Amino acid sequence: MEVGLKIGKYLKDRGITQAFLVRETGLTASAISDICSGSRKGIDCLEYFKICKALGVDMMTFIADGEAEL
C-alpha cells in the first residue's frame, strides 16, 4: 500500500485531519497534502518519524502494516 493511502487510512480511523498533521509535524500543508495524495513519493526518515508520531503509531508498526514505501 502506498504511504499516502496508508496515512489517509490512519487519519480516517483516528478521526483526525491533515491540518492536525500539519500542526503536529511542522510540515507544510502542501507537503502533507502531496504526501497523502501520492504526488510526493520521497519522504525522508525525519518526516516519516514525525508523521508516525503524530498518528500515534510506531514507525515499524506503520511500515509493517501492509507494504509501505520508504
C-alpha atoms as a PDB file:
ATOM      1  CA  MET A   1       0.000   0.000   0.000  1.00  0.00           C
ATOM      2  CA  GLU A   2       1.302   3.440  -0.860  1.00  0.00           C
ATOM      3  CA  VAL A   3       2.374   5.631   2.037  1.00  0.00           C
ATOM      4  CA  GLY A   4      -0.177   8.345   1.234  1.00  0.00           C
ATOM      5  CA  LEU A   5      -3.053   5.871   1.230  1.00  0.00           C
ATOM      6  CA  LYS A   6      -1.844   4.373   4.469  1.00  0.00           C
ATOM      7  CA  ILE A   7      -1.612   7.790   6.120  1.00  0.00           C
ATOM      8  CA  GLY A   8      -5.118   8.547   4.877  1.00  0.00           C
ATOM      9  CA  LYS A   9      -6.370   5.307   6.422  1.00  0.00           C
ATOM     10  CA  TYR A  10      -4.820   6.176   9.788  1.00  0.00           C
ATOM     11  CA  LEU A  11      -6.285   9.690   9.619  1.00  0.00           C
ATOM     12  CA  LYS A  12      -9.751   8.336   8.887  1.00  0.00           C
ATOM     13  CA  ASP A  13      -9.542   5.578  11.503  1.00  0.00           C
ATOM     14  CA  ARG A  14      -8.493   8.084  14.176  1.00  0.00           C
ATOM     15  CA  GLY A  15     -10.893  10.829  13.084  1.00  0.00           C
ATOM     16  CA  ILE A  16      -8.136  13.390  12.553  1.00  0.00           C
ATOM     17  CA  THR A  17      -7.348  15.713   9.677  1.00  0.00           C
ATOM     18  CA  GLN A  18      -4.404  16.668   7.542  1.00  0.00           C
ATOM     19  CA  ALA A  19      -4.473  20.034   9.349  1.00  0.00           C
ATOM     20  CA  PHE A  20      -3.758  18.147  12.573  1.00  0.00           C
ATOM     21  CA  LEU A  21      -0.688  16.566  10.918  1.00  0.00           C
ATOM     22  CA  VAL A  22       0.484  19.997   9.805  1.00  0.00           C
ATOM     23  CA  ARG A  23       0.262  21.329  13.379  1.00  0.00           C
ATOM     24  CA  GLU A  24       1.833  18.253  14.975  1.00  0.00           C
ATOM     25  CA  THR A  25       4.647  17.656  12.472  1.00  0.00           C
ATOM     26  CA  GLY A  26       5.633  21.174  11.482  1.00  0.00           C
ATOM     27  CA  LEU A  27       5.477  20.150   7.832  1.00  0.00           C
ATOM     28  CA  THR A  28       3.733  22.476   5.422  1.00  0.00           C
ATOM     29  CA  ALA A  29       0.127  21.923   4.431  1.00  0.00           C
ATOM     30  CA  SER A  30       1.233  21.415   0.831  1.00  0.00           C
ATOM     31  CA  ALA A  31       3.793  18.789   1.877  1.00  0.00           C
ATOM     32  CA  ILE A  32       1.197  16.823   3.862  1.00  0.00           C
ATOM     33  CA  SER A  33      -1.327  17.149   1.040  1.00  0.00           C
ATOM     34  CA  ASP A  34       1.213  15.999  -1.555  1.00  0.00           C
ATOM     35  CA  ILE A  35       2.264  13.028   0.582  1.00  0.00           C
ATOM     36  CA  CYS A  36      -1.342  11.977   1.226  1.00  0.00           C
ATOM     37  CA  SER A  37      -2.343  12.358  -2.422  1.00  0.00           C
ATOM     38  CA  GLY A  38       0.665  10.360  -3.594  1.00  0.00           C
ATOM     39  CA  SER A  39       2.063  13.171  -5.736  1.00  0.00           C
ATOM     40  CA  ARG A  40       5.121  13.328  -3.486  1.00  0.00           C
ATOM     41  CA  LYS A  41       6.890   9.997  -3.281  1.00  0.00           C
ATOM     42  CA  GLY A  42      10.038  10.964  -1.411  1.00  0.00           C
ATOM     43  CA  ILE A  43       9.645  11.179   2.357  1.00  0.00           C
ATOM     44  CA  ASP A  44      12.775  11.388   4.457  1.00  0.00           C
ATOM     45  CA  CYS A  45      13.178   9.487   7.704  1.00  0.00           C
ATOM     46  CA  LEU A  46      12.584  12.516   9.928  1.00  0.00           C
ATOM     47  CA  GLU A  47       9.334  13.369   8.123  1.00  0.00           C
ATOM     48  CA  TYR A  48       8.278   9.733   8.371  1.00  0.00           C
ATOM     49  CA  PHE A  49       9.025   9.748  12.098  1.00  0.00           C
ATOM     50  CA  LYS A  50       7.090  12.991  12.694  1.00  0.00           C
ATOM     51  CA  ILE A  51       4.063  11.706  10.797  1.00  0.00           C
ATOM     52  CA  CYS A  52       4.046   8.388  12.654  1.00  0.00           C
ATOM     53  CA  LYS A  53       4.423  10.153  15.997  1.00  0.00           C
ATOM     54  CA  ALA A  54       1.512  12.474  15.176  1.00  0.00           C
ATOM     55  CA  LEU A  55      -0.591   9.488  14.121  1.00  0.00           C
ATOM     56  CA  GLY A  56       0.271   7.731  17.379  1.00  0.00           C
ATOM     57  CA  VAL A  57       1.819   4.722  15.681  1.00  0.00           C
ATOM     58  CA  ASP A  58       5.298   3.246  15.948  1.00  0.00           C
ATOM     59  CA  MET A  59       7.260   3.590  12.683  1.00  0.00           C
ATOM     60  CA  MET A  60       7.938  -0.133  12.499  1.00  0.00           C
ATOM     61  CA  THR A  61       4.259  -0.892  13.041  1.00  0.00           C
ATOM     62  CA  PHE A  62       3.348   1.593  10.317  1.00  0.00           C
ATOM     63  CA  ILE A  63       5.835   0.043   7.895  1.00  0.00           C
ATOM     64  CA  ALA A  64       4.770  -3.499   8.743  1.00  0.00           C
ATOM     65  CA  ASP A  65       1.075  -2.654   8.230  1.00  0.00           C
ATOM     66  CA  GLY A  66       0.976  -3.620   4.551  1.00  0.00           C
ATOM     67  CA  GLU A  67       3.832  -2.737   2.277  1.00  0.00           C
ATOM     68  CA  ALA A  68       4.885   0.863   2.903  1.00  0.00           C
ATOM     69  CA  GLU A  69       7.280   2.509   0.519  1.00  0.00           C
ATOM     70  CA  LEU A  70      10.152   4.426   2.085  1.00  0.00           C
END
